[in-house]
Amino acid sequence: MDRYTYRVSWSDDDGEYVGICIEFPSLSWLDSSHEKAFKGIRKVVAEVIADMEANNEKLPDPIAAKKFSGKFQVRIPSELHRELAISAAEQNISLNRLISSRLAAHV
């Protein structure tokens, strides 16, 4: 349970904090405090894990345990590709380095 990825954020629609677990996207917990929303979603996940284990169901792999290659493909419009290639050339860096730095700036 502790290896899963939890997030708590404010929900304007609900007027409360919502706790979620990335590996269990159908689960959530609403509460008036950030801490209670976090504790609530962890409790729900623990209950679901216990139920899944009792039924010999496979648990989702934690994102933290997954290995990532560092490679992925993305399709973009040819005009954007050209603009990015020009920008990279102007900065005397590779297109890969330009895209990586821009992605990192927005995470």
PDB file of N, CA and C in Angstrom:
ATOM      1  N   MET A   1       0.825  -1.198   0.000  1.00  0.00           N
ATOM      2  CA  MET A   1       0.000   0.000   0.000  1.00  0.00           C
ATOM      3  C   MET A   1       0.865   1.256   0.000  1.00  0.00           C
ATOM      4  N   ASP A   2       1.995   1.237   0.695  1.00  0.00           N
ATOM      5  CA  ASP A   2       2.835   2.423   0.800  1.00  0.00           C
ATOM      6  C   ASP A   2       3.618   2.720  -0.472  1.00  0.00           C
ATOM      7  N   ARG A   3       3.675   1.767  -1.390  1.00  0.00           N
ATOM      8  CA  ARG A   3       4.449   1.961  -2.610  1.00  0.00           C
ATOM      9  C   ARG A   3       3.629   2.601  -3.726  1.00  0.00           C
ATOM     10  N   TYR A   4       2.349   2.818  -3.494  1.00  0.00           N
ATOM     11  CA  TYR A   4       1.505   3.409  -4.522  1.00  0.00           C
ATOM     12  C   TYR A   4       1.614   4.938  -4.515  1.00  0.00           C
ATOM     13  N   THR A   5       1.117   5.544  -5.572  1.00  0.00           N
ATOM     14  CA  THR A   5       1.252   6.986  -5.777  1.00  0.00           C
ATOM     15  C   THR A   5      -0.048   7.694  -5.417  1.00  0.00           C
ATOM     16  N   TYR A   6       0.011   8.528  -4.393  1.00  0.00           N
ATOM     17  CA  TYR A   6      -1.167   9.244  -3.904  1.00  0.00           C
ATOM     18  C   TYR A   6      -1.049  10.726  -4.212  1.00  0.00           C
ATOM     19  N   ARG A   7      -2.193  11.341  -4.474  1.00  0.00           N
ATOM     20  CA  ARG A   7      -2.259  12.779  -4.696  1.00  0.00           C
ATOM     21  C   ARG A   7      -3.489  13.315  -3.971  1.00  0.00           C
ATOM     22  N   VAL A   8      -3.334  14.503  -3.404  1.00  0.00           N
ATOM     23  CA  VAL A   8      -4.463  15.194  -2.784  1.00  0.00           C
ATOM     24  C   VAL A   8      -4.499  16.599  -3.363  1.00  0.00           C
ATOM     25  N   SER A   9      -5.661  17.001  -3.840  1.00  0.00           N
ATOM     26  CA  SER A   9      -5.810  18.347  -4.385  1.00  0.00           C
ATOM     27  C   SER A   9      -7.198  18.878  -4.043  1.00  0.00           C
ATOM     28  N   TRP A  10      -7.332  20.179  -4.154  1.00  0.00           N
ATOM     29  CA  TRP A  10      -8.609  20.826  -3.880  1.00  0.00           C
ATOM     30  C   TRP A  10      -9.542  20.627  -5.057  1.00  0.00           C
ATOM     31  N   SER A  11     -10.806  20.336  -4.780  1.00  0.00           N
ATOM     32  CA  SER A  11     -11.827  20.203  -5.811  1.00  0.00           C
ATOM     33  C   SER A  11     -12.824  21.338  -5.658  1.00  0.00           C
ATOM     34  N   ASP A  12     -12.802  22.276  -6.599  1.00  0.00           N
ATOM     35  CA  ASP A  12     -13.779  23.375  -6.575  1.00  0.00           C
ATOM     36  C   ASP A  12     -15.195  22.843  -6.723  1.00  0.00           C
ATOM     37  N   ASP A  13     -15.365  21.810  -7.562  1.00  0.00           N
ATOM     38  CA  ASP A  13     -16.698  21.241  -7.786  1.00  0.00           C
ATOM     39  C   ASP A  13     -17.299  20.678  -6.500  1.00  0.00           C
ATOM     40  N   ASP A  14     -16.467  20.035  -5.696  1.00  0.00           N
ATOM     41  CA  ASP A  14     -16.952  19.394  -4.468  1.00  0.00           C
ATOM     42  C   ASP A  14     -16.806  20.275  -3.235  1.00  0.00           C
ATOM     43  N   GLY A  15     -15.965  21.298  -3.308  1.00  0.00           N
ATOM     44  CA  GLY A  15     -15.729  22.156  -2.152  1.00  0.00           C
ATOM     45  C   GLY A  15     -14.959  21.447  -1.049  1.00  0.00           C
ATOM     46  N   GLU A  16     -14.192  20.441  -1.433  1.00  0.00           N
ATOM     47  CA  GLU A  16     -13.391  19.667  -0.481  1.00  0.00           C
ATOM     48  C   GLU A  16     -12.118  19.212  -1.167  1.00  0.00           C
ATOM     49  N   TYR A  17     -11.221  18.633  -0.355  1.00  0.00           N
ATOM     50  CA  TYR A  17     -10.036  18.013  -0.902  1.00  0.00           C
ATOM     51  C   TYR A  17     -10.390  16.619  -1.399  1.00  0.00           C
ATOM     52  N   VAL A  18      -9.771  16.232  -2.505  1.00  0.00           N
ATOM     53  CA  VAL A  18      -9.988  14.892  -3.033  1.00  0.00           C
ATOM     54  C   VAL A  18      -8.655  14.150  -3.047  1.00  0.00           C
ATOM     55  N   GLY A  19      -8.664  12.975  -2.446  1.00  0.00           N
ATOM     56  CA  GLY A  19      -7.489  12.110  -2.450  1.00  0.00           C
ATOM     57  C   GLY A  19      -7.675  11.030  -3.496  1.00  0.00           C
ATOM     58  N   ILE A  20      -6.634  10.786  -4.272  1.00  0.00           N
ATOM     59  CA  ILE A  20      -6.674   9.739  -5.282  1.00  0.00           C
ATOM     60  C   ILE A  20      -5.411   8.893  -5.206  1.00  0.00           C
ATOM     61  N   CYS A  21      -5.501   7.711  -5.793  1.00  0.00           N
ATOM     62  CA  CYS A  21      -4.341   6.836  -5.943  1.00  0.00           C
ATOM     63  C   CYS A  21      -4.213   6.561  -7.431  1.00  0.00           C
ATOM     64  N   ILE A  22      -3.089   6.930  -8.013  1.00  0.00           N
ATOM     65  CA  ILE A  22      -2.891   6.837  -9.456  1.00  0.00           C
ATOM     66  C   ILE A  22      -3.084   5.406  -9.964  1.00  0.00           C
ATOM     67  N   GLU A  23      -2.623   4.432  -9.211  1.00  0.00           N
ATOM     68  CA  GLU A  23      -2.704   3.044  -9.648  1.00  0.00           C
ATOM     69  C   GLU A  23      -4.110   2.454  -9.524  1.00  0.00           C
ATOM     70  N   PHE A  24      -4.982   3.111  -8.783  1.00  0.00           N
ATOM     71  CA  PHE A  24      -6.383   2.700  -8.629  1.00  0.00           C
ATOM     72  C   PHE A  24      -7.269   3.881  -9.043  1.00  0.00           C
ATOM     73  N   PRO A  25      -7.374   4.162 -10.349  1.00  0.00           N
ATOM     74  CA  PRO A  25      -8.049   5.388 -10.806  1.00  0.00           C
ATOM     75  C   PRO A  25      -9.537   5.488 -10.485  1.00  0.00           C
ATOM     76  N   SER A  26     -10.172   4.390 -10.137  1.00  0.00           N
ATOM     77  CA  SER A  26     -11.607   4.463  -9.832  1.00  0.00           C
ATOM     78  C   SER A  26     -11.876   4.839  -8.375  1.00  0.00           C
ATOM     79  N   LEU A  27     -10.826   4.926  -7.565  1.00  0.00           N
ATOM     80  CA  LEU A  27     -10.993   5.219  -6.137  1.00  0.00           C
ATOM     81  C   LEU A  27     -10.694   6.680  -5.838  1.00  0.00           C
ATOM     82  N   SER A  28     -11.429   7.243  -4.882  1.00  0.00           N
ATOM     83  CA  SER A  28     -11.139   8.596  -4.407  1.00  0.00           C
ATOM     84  C   SER A  28     -11.727   8.758  -3.007  1.00  0.00           C
ATOM     85  N   TRP A  29     -11.309   9.825  -2.331  1.00  0.00           N
ATOM     86  CA  TRP A  29     -11.821  10.128  -0.998  1.00  0.00           C
ATOM     87  C   TRP A  29     -11.931  11.639  -0.860  1.00  0.00           C
ATOM     88  N   LEU A  30     -13.098  12.117  -0.491  1.00  0.00           N
ATOM     89  CA  LEU A  30     -13.314  13.542  -0.276  1.00  0.00           C
ATOM     90  C   LEU A  30     -13.317  13.846   1.215  1.00  0.00           C
ATOM     91  N   ASP A  31     -12.701  14.967   1.575  1.00  0.00           N
ATOM     92  CA  ASP A  31     -12.723  15.382   2.973  1.00  0.00           C
ATOM     93  C   ASP A  31     -12.439  16.876   3.063  1.00  0.00           C
ATOM     94  N   SER A  32     -12.773  17.452   4.208  1.00  0.00           N
ATOM     95  CA  SER A  32     -12.606  18.897   4.398  1.00  0.00           C
ATOM     96  C   SER A  32     -11.157  19.296   4.635  1.00  0.00           C
ATOM     97  N   SER A  33     -10.305  18.344   5.030  1.00  0.00           N
ATOM     98  CA  SER A  33      -8.896  18.681   5.253  1.00  0.00           C
ATOM     99  C   SER A  33      -8.000  17.833   4.352  1.00  0.00           C
ATOM    100  N   HIS A  34      -6.876  18.402   4.005  1.00  0.00           N
ATOM    101  CA  HIS A  34      -5.891  17.732   3.160  1.00  0.00           C
ATOM    102  C   HIS A  34      -5.444  16.422   3.818  1.00  0.00           C
ATOM    103  N   GLU A  35      -5.130  16.469   5.093  1.00  0.00           N
ATOM    104  CA  GLU A  35      -4.639  15.300   5.820  1.00  0.00           C
ATOM    105  C   GLU A  35      -5.683  14.179   5.872  1.00  0.00           C
ATOM    106  N   LYS A  36      -6.932  14.544   6.112  1.00  0.00           N
ATOM    107  CA  LYS A  36      -7.989  13.536   6.187  1.00  0.00           C
ATOM    108  C   LYS A  36      -8.262  12.910   4.820  1.00  0.00           C
ATOM    109  N   ALA A  37      -8.143  13.707   3.764  1.00  0.00           N
ATOM    110  CA  ALA A  37      -8.326  13.161   2.417  1.00  0.00           C
ATOM    111  C   ALA A  37      -7.217  12.155   2.110  1.00  0.00           C
ATOM    112  N   PHE A  38      -5.996  12.453   2.540  1.00  0.00           N
ATOM    113  CA  PHE A  38      -4.865  11.546   2.333  1.00  0.00           C
ATOM    114  C   PHE A  38      -5.070  10.252   3.123  1.00  0.00           C
ATOM    115  N   LYS A  39      -5.429  10.385   4.380  1.00  0.00           N
ATOM    116  CA  LYS A  39      -5.671   9.196   5.210  1.00  0.00           C
ATOM    117  C   LYS A  39      -6.845   8.382   4.664  1.00  0.00           C
ATOM    118  N   GLY A  40      -7.864   9.064   4.178  1.00  0.00           N
ATOM    119  CA  GLY A  40      -9.039   8.381   3.654  1.00  0.00           C
ATOM    120  C   GLY A  40      -8.744   7.549   2.421  1.00  0.00           C
ATOM    121  N   ILE A  41      -8.005   8.118   1.469  1.00  0.00           N
ATOM    122  CA  ILE A  41      -7.708   7.361   0.251  1.00  0.00           C
ATOM    123  C   ILE A  41      -6.789   6.195   0.563  1.00  0.00           C
ATOM    124  N   ARG A  42      -5.857   6.375   1.494  1.00  0.00           N
ATOM    125  CA  ARG A  42      -4.982   5.261   1.874  1.00  0.00           C
ATOM    126  C   ARG A  42      -5.795   4.125   2.510  1.00  0.00           C
ATOM    127  N   LYS A  43      -6.798   4.483   3.299  1.00  0.00           N
ATOM    128  CA  LYS A  43      -7.648   3.472   3.930  1.00  0.00           C
ATOM    129  C   LYS A  43      -8.445   2.702   2.875  1.00  0.00           C
ATOM    130  N   VAL A  44      -9.016   3.430   1.917  1.00  0.00           N
ATOM    131  CA  VAL A  44      -9.785   2.787   0.853  1.00  0.00           C
ATOM    132  C   VAL A  44      -8.890   1.846   0.045  1.00  0.00           C
ATOM    133  N   VAL A  45      -7.700   2.297  -0.293  1.00  0.00           N
ATOM    134  CA  VAL A  45      -6.768   1.457  -1.055  1.00  0.00           C
ATOM    135  C   VAL A  45      -6.414   0.210  -0.251  1.00  0.00           C
ATOM    136  N   ALA A  46      -6.165   0.360   1.041  1.00  0.00           N
ATOM    137  CA  ALA A  46      -5.849  -0.795   1.882  1.00  0.00           C
ATOM    138  C   ALA A  46      -6.997  -1.804   1.875  1.00  0.00           C
ATOM    139  N   GLU A  47      -8.223  -1.316   1.937  1.00  0.00           N
ATOM    140  CA  GLU A  47      -9.395  -2.209   1.916  1.00  0.00           C
ATOM    141  C   GLU A  47      -9.518  -2.926   0.572  1.00  0.00           C
ATOM    142  N   VAL A  48      -9.297  -2.202  -0.508  1.00  0.00           N
ATOM    143  CA  VAL A  48      -9.383  -2.804  -1.838  1.00  0.00           C
ATOM    144  C   VAL A  48      -8.278  -3.838  -2.028  1.00  0.00           C
ATOM    145  N   ILE A  49      -7.074  -3.531  -1.564  1.00  0.00           N
ATOM    146  CA  ILE A  49      -5.962  -4.484  -1.657  1.00  0.00           C
ATOM    147  C   ILE A  49      -6.291  -5.754  -0.882  1.00  0.00           C
ATOM    148  N   ALA A  50      -6.816  -5.609   0.328  1.00  0.00           N
ATOM    149  CA  ALA A  50      -7.178  -6.777   1.143  1.00  0.00           C
ATOM    150  C   ALA A  50      -8.226  -7.623   0.428  1.00  0.00           C
ATOM    151  N   ASP A  51      -9.211  -6.964  -0.171  1.00  0.00           N
ATOM    152  CA  ASP A  51     -10.254  -7.676  -0.904  1.00  0.00           C
ATOM    153  C   ASP A  51      -9.678  -8.386  -2.132  1.00  0.00           C
ATOM    154  N   MET A  52      -8.814  -7.714  -2.860  1.00  0.00           N
ATOM    155  CA  MET A  52      -8.204  -8.318  -4.050  1.00  0.00           C
ATOM    156  C   MET A  52      -7.340  -9.514  -3.673  1.00  0.00           C
ATOM    157  N   GLU A  53      -6.578  -9.361  -2.604  1.00  0.00           N
ATOM    158  CA  GLU A  53      -5.731 -10.478  -2.156  1.00  0.00           C
ATOM    159  C   GLU A  53      -6.580 -11.655  -1.711  1.00  0.00           C
ATOM    160  N   ALA A  54      -7.683 -11.389  -1.021  1.00  0.00           N
ATOM    161  CA  ALA A  54      -8.580 -12.459  -0.569  1.00  0.00           C
ATOM    162  C   ALA A  54      -9.194 -13.211  -1.751  1.00  0.00           C
ATOM    163  N   ASN A  55      -9.333 -12.525  -2.875  1.00  0.00           N
ATOM    164  CA  ASN A  55      -9.909 -13.132  -4.078  1.00  0.00           C
ATOM    165  C   ASN A  55      -8.841 -13.552  -5.096  1.00  0.00           C
ATOM    166  N   ASN A  56      -7.584 -13.568  -4.650  1.00  0.00           N
ATOM    167  CA  ASN A  56      -6.457 -13.956  -5.513  1.00  0.00           C
ATOM    168  C   ASN A  56      -6.395 -13.149  -6.809  1.00  0.00           C
ATOM    169  N   GLU A  57      -6.744 -11.860  -6.719  1.00  0.00           N
ATOM    170  CA  GLU A  57      -6.656 -10.978  -7.884  1.00  0.00           C
ATOM    171  C   GLU A  57      -5.275 -10.332  -7.937  1.00  0.00           C
ATOM    172  N   LYS A  58      -4.817 -10.049  -9.128  1.00  0.00           N
ATOM    173  CA  LYS A  58      -3.510  -9.412  -9.309  1.00  0.00           C
ATOM    174  C   LYS A  58      -3.611  -7.930  -8.952  1.00  0.00           C
ATOM    175  N   LEU A  59      -2.687  -7.481  -8.122  1.00  0.00           N
ATOM    176  CA  LEU A  59      -2.635  -6.071  -7.746  1.00  0.00           C
ATOM    177  C   LEU A  59      -1.912  -5.281  -8.835  1.00  0.00           C
ATOM    178  N   PRO A  60      -2.276  -4.018  -9.025  1.00  0.00           N
ATOM    179  CA  PRO A  60      -1.545  -3.212 -10.001  1.00  0.00           C
ATOM    180  C   PRO A  60      -0.112  -2.966  -9.527  1.00  0.00           C
ATOM    181  N   ASP A  61       0.806  -2.924 -10.475  1.00  0.00           N
ATOM    182  CA  ASP A  61       2.198  -2.626 -10.139  1.00  0.00           C
ATOM    183  C   ASP A  61       2.309  -1.155  -9.761  1.00  0.00           C
ATOM    184  N   PRO A  62       3.026  -0.853  -8.676  1.00  0.00           N
ATOM    185  CA  PRO A  62       3.240   0.558  -8.330  1.00  0.00           C
ATOM    186  C   PRO A  62       4.066   1.254  -9.405  1.00  0.00           C
ATOM    187  N   ILE A  63       3.733   2.471  -9.725  1.00  0.00           N
ATOM    188  CA  ILE A  63       4.499   3.236 -10.709  1.00  0.00           C
ATOM    189  C   ILE A  63       5.961   3.325 -10.277  1.00  0.00           C
ATOM    190  N   ALA A  64       6.204   3.470  -8.985  1.00  0.00           N
ATOM    191  CA  ALA A  64       7.569   3.598  -8.482  1.00  0.00           C
ATOM    192  C   ALA A  64       8.412   2.360  -8.760  1.00  0.00           C
ATOM    193  N   ALA A  65       7.782   1.210  -8.952  1.00  0.00           N
ATOM    194  CA  ALA A  65       8.520  -0.032  -9.199  1.00  0.00           C
ATOM    195  C   ALA A  65       8.738  -0.300 -10.685  1.00  0.00           C
ATOM    196  N   LYS A  66       8.091   0.480 -11.530  1.00  0.00           N
ATOM    197  CA  LYS A  66       8.213   0.267 -12.975  1.00  0.00           C
ATOM    198  C   LYS A  66       9.531   0.847 -13.485  1.00  0.00           C
ATOM    199  N   LYS A  67      10.080   0.193 -14.488  1.00  0.00           N
ATOM    200  CA  LYS A  67      11.299   0.665 -15.139  1.00  0.00           C
ATOM    201  C   LYS A  67      10.899   1.432 -16.404  1.00  0.00           C
ATOM    202  N   PHE A  68      11.498   2.587 -16.604  1.00  0.00           N
ATOM    203  CA  PHE A  68      11.211   3.408 -17.760  1.00  0.00           C
ATOM    204  C   PHE A  68      12.470   3.525 -18.615  1.00  0.00           C
ATOM    205  N   SER A  69      12.306   3.405 -19.922  1.00  0.00           N
ATOM    206  CA  SER A  69      13.444   3.429 -20.845  1.00  0.00           C
ATOM    207  C   SER A  69      13.978   4.843 -21.078  1.00  0.00           C
ATOM    208  N   GLY A  70      13.156   5.837 -20.843  1.00  0.00           N
ATOM    209  CA  GLY A  70      13.559   7.206 -21.156  1.00  0.00           C
ATOM    210  C   GLY A  70      13.222   7.583 -22.590  1.00  0.00           C
ATOM    211  N   LYS A  71      12.547   6.679 -23.294  1.00  0.00           N
ATOM    212  CA  LYS A  71      12.178   6.937 -24.681  1.00  0.00           C
ATOM    213  C   LYS A  71      10.665   6.836 -24.838  1.00  0.00           C
ATOM    214  N   PHE A  72      10.106   7.741 -25.625  1.00  0.00           N
ATOM    215  CA  PHE A  72       8.718   7.631 -26.040  1.00  0.00           C
ATOM    216  C   PHE A  72       8.557   8.424 -27.324  1.00  0.00           C
ATOM    217  N   GLN A  73       7.579   8.076 -28.104  1.00  0.00           N
ATOM    218  CA  GLN A  73       7.329   8.785 -29.354  1.00  0.00           C
ATOM    219  C   GLN A  73       6.110   9.668 -29.199  1.00  0.00           C
ATOM    220  N   VAL A  74       6.189  10.798 -29.832  1.00  0.00           N
ATOM    221  CA  VAL A  74       5.053  11.709 -29.825  1.00  0.00           C
ATOM    222  C   VAL A  74       4.907  12.287 -31.233  1.00  0.00           C
ATOM    223  N   ARG A  75       3.683  12.374 -31.699  1.00  0.00           N
ATOM    224  CA  ARG A  75       3.426  12.948 -33.020  1.00  0.00           C
ATOM    225  C   ARG A  75       3.009  14.410 -32.844  1.00  0.00           C
ATOM    226  N   ILE A  76       3.645  15.252 -33.630  1.00  0.00           N
ATOM    227  CA  ILE A  76       3.339  16.679 -33.589  1.00  0.00           C
ATOM    228  C   ILE A  76       3.158  17.176 -35.024  1.00  0.00           C
ATOM    229  N   PRO A  77       2.500  18.297 -35.209  1.00  0.00           N
ATOM    230  CA  PRO A  77       2.361  18.845 -36.559  1.00  0.00           C
ATOM    231  C   PRO A  77       3.744  19.164 -37.159  1.00  0.00           C
ATOM    232  N   SER A  78       3.871  18.990 -38.451  1.00  0.00           N
ATOM    233  CA  SER A  78       5.163  19.212 -39.116  1.00  0.00           C
ATOM    234  C   SER A  78       5.664  20.644 -38.924  1.00  0.00           C
ATOM    235  N   GLU A  79       4.754  21.605 -38.860  1.00  0.00           N
ATOM    236  CA  GLU A  79       5.156  22.999 -38.657  1.00  0.00           C
ATOM    237  C   GLU A  79       5.831  23.177 -37.291  1.00  0.00           C
ATOM    238  N   LEU A  80       5.272  22.544 -36.276  1.00  0.00           N
ATOM    239  CA  LEU A  80       5.864  22.620 -34.939  1.00  0.00           C
ATOM    240  C   LEU A  80       7.219  21.924 -34.926  1.00  0.00           C
ATOM    241  N   HIS A  81       7.319  20.790 -35.590  1.00  0.00           N
ATOM    242  CA  HIS A  81       8.587  20.064 -35.685  1.00  0.00           C
ATOM    243  C   HIS A  81       9.662  20.979 -36.288  1.00  0.00           C
ATOM    244  N   ARG A  82       9.297  21.667 -37.364  1.00  0.00           N
ATOM    245  CA  ARG A  82      10.232  22.589 -38.025  1.00  0.00           C
ATOM    246  C   ARG A  82      10.652  23.706 -37.069  1.00  0.00           C
ATOM    247  N   GLU A  83       9.678  24.326 -36.391  1.00  0.00           N
ATOM    248  CA  GLU A  83       9.992  25.422 -35.454  1.00  0.00           C
ATOM    249  C   GLU A  83      10.918  24.947 -34.337  1.00  0.00           C
ATOM    250  N   LEU A  84      10.663  23.766 -33.816  1.00  0.00           N
ATOM    251  CA  LEU A  84      11.513  23.225 -32.746  1.00  0.00           C
ATOM    252  C   LEU A  84      12.918  22.928 -33.258  1.00  0.00           C
ATOM    253  N   ALA A  85      13.017  22.382 -34.462  1.00  0.00           N
ATOM    254  CA  ALA A  85      14.324  22.078 -35.049  1.00  0.00           C
ATOM    255  C   ALA A  85      15.126  23.370 -35.265  1.00  0.00           C
ATOM    256  N   ILE A  86      14.456  24.412 -35.715  1.00  0.00           N
ATOM    257  CA  ILE A  86      15.124  25.700 -35.905  1.00  0.00           C
ATOM    258  C   ILE A  86      15.594  26.255 -34.572  1.00  0.00           C
ATOM    259  N   SER A  87      14.725  26.189 -33.569  1.00  0.00           N
ATOM    260  CA  SER A  87      15.082  26.682 -32.236  1.00  0.00           C
ATOM    261  C   SER A  87      16.284  25.926 -31.674  1.00  0.00           C
ATOM    262  N   ALA A  88      16.300  24.621 -31.858  1.00  0.00           N
ATOM    263  CA  ALA A  88      17.429  23.813 -31.378  1.00  0.00           C
ATOM    264  C   ALA A  88      18.709  24.200 -32.113  1.00  0.00           C
ATOM    265  N   ALA A  89      18.627  24.381 -33.429  1.00  0.00           N
ATOM    266  CA  ALA A  89      19.799  24.762 -34.215  1.00  0.00           C
ATOM    267  C   ALA A  89      20.317  26.133 -33.788  1.00  0.00           C
ATOM    268  N   GLU A  90      19.417  27.064 -33.538  1.00  0.00           N
ATOM    269  CA  GLU A  90      19.819  28.406 -33.095  1.00  0.00           C
ATOM    270  C   GLU A  90      20.542  28.368 -31.759  1.00  0.00           C
ATOM    271  N   GLN A  91      20.156  27.411 -30.907  1.00  0.00           N
ATOM    272  CA  GLN A  91      20.785  27.279 -29.590  1.00  0.00           C
ATOM    273  C   GLN A  91      21.992  26.332 -29.617  1.00  0.00           C
ATOM    274  N   ASN A  92      22.254  25.772 -30.795  1.00  0.00           N
ATOM    275  CA  ASN A  92      23.356  24.832 -30.982  1.00  0.00           C
ATOM    276  C   ASN A  92      23.245  23.622 -30.047  1.00  0.00           C
ATOM    277  N   ILE A  93      22.014  23.111 -29.916  1.00  0.00           N
ATOM    278  CA  ILE A  93      21.766  21.899 -29.135  1.00  0.00           C
ATOM    279  C   ILE A  93      20.921  20.941 -29.975  1.00  0.00           C
ATOM    280  N   SER A  94      20.882  19.704 -29.555  1.00  0.00           N
ATOM    281  CA  SER A  94      20.081  18.728 -30.291  1.00  0.00           C
ATOM    282  C   SER A  94      18.590  18.980 -30.061  1.00  0.00           C
ATOM    283  N   LEU A  95      17.796  18.512 -31.006  1.00  0.00           N
ATOM    284  CA  LEU A  95      16.347  18.602 -30.861  1.00  0.00           C
ATOM    285  C   LEU A  95      15.904  17.843 -29.608  1.00  0.00           C
ATOM    286  N   ASN A  96      16.507  16.680 -29.379  1.00  0.00           N
ATOM    287  CA  ASN A  96      16.176  15.889 -28.193  1.00  0.00           C
ATOM    288  C   ASN A  96      16.423  16.682 -26.908  1.00  0.00           C
ATOM    289  N   ARG A  97      17.560  17.359 -26.846  1.00  0.00           N
ATOM    290  CA  ARG A  97      17.889  18.136 -25.641  1.00  0.00           C
ATOM    291  C   ARG A  97      16.913  19.293 -25.450  1.00  0.00           C
ATOM    292  N   LEU A  98      16.553  19.957 -26.538  1.00  0.00           N
ATOM    293  CA  LEU A  98      15.593  21.058 -26.464  1.00  0.00           C
ATOM    294  C   LEU A  98      14.252  20.574 -25.925  1.00  0.00           C
ATOM    295  N   ILE A  99      13.735  19.489 -26.491  1.00  0.00           N
ATOM    296  CA  ILE A  99      12.430  18.960 -26.074  1.00  0.00           C
ATOM    297  C   ILE A  99      12.486  18.491 -24.621  1.00  0.00           C
ATOM    298  N   SER A 100      13.560  17.809 -24.260  1.00  0.00           N
ATOM    299  CA  SER A 100      13.705  17.317 -22.887  1.00  0.00           C
ATOM    300  C   SER A 100      13.688  18.468 -21.886  1.00  0.00           C
ATOM    301  N   SER A 101      14.416  19.532 -22.189  1.00  0.00           N
ATOM    302  CA  SER A 101      14.454  20.674 -21.257  1.00  0.00           C
ATOM    303  C   SER A 101      13.101  21.376 -21.179  1.00  0.00           C
ATOM    304  N   ARG A 102      12.407  21.462 -22.294  1.00  0.00           N
ATOM    305  CA  ARG A 102      11.093  22.102 -22.277  1.00  0.00           C
ATOM    306  C   ARG A 102      10.060  21.263 -21.517  1.00  0.00           C
ATOM    307  N   LEU A 103      10.130  19.962 -21.698  1.00  0.00           N
ATOM    308  CA  LEU A 103       9.228  19.087 -20.932  1.00  0.00           C
ATOM    309  C   LEU A 103       9.516  19.189 -19.437  1.00  0.00           C
ATOM    310  N   ALA A 104      10.794  19.166 -19.081  1.00  0.00           N
ATOM    311  CA  ALA A 104      11.181  19.233 -17.670  1.00  0.00           C
ATOM    312  C   ALA A 104      10.716  20.532 -17.017  1.00  0.00           C
ATOM    313  N   ALA A 105      10.665  21.593 -17.778  1.00  0.00           N
ATOM    314  CA  ALA A 105      10.242  22.887 -17.244  1.00  0.00           C
ATOM    315  C   ALA A 105       8.757  22.928 -16.924  1.00  0.00           C
ATOM    316  N   HIS A 106       7.990  21.962 -17.443  1.00  0.00           N
ATOM    317  CA  HIS A 106       6.544  21.975 -17.256  1.00  0.00           C
ATOM    318  C   HIS A 106       6.019  20.821 -16.416  1.00  0.00           C
ATOM    319  N   VAL A 107       6.909  20.086 -15.792  1.00  0.00           N
ATOM    320  CA  VAL A 107       6.469  18.940 -14.968  1.00  0.00           C
ATOM    321  C   VAL A 107       6.335  19.392 -13.537  1.00  0.00           C
TER     322      VAL A 107
END
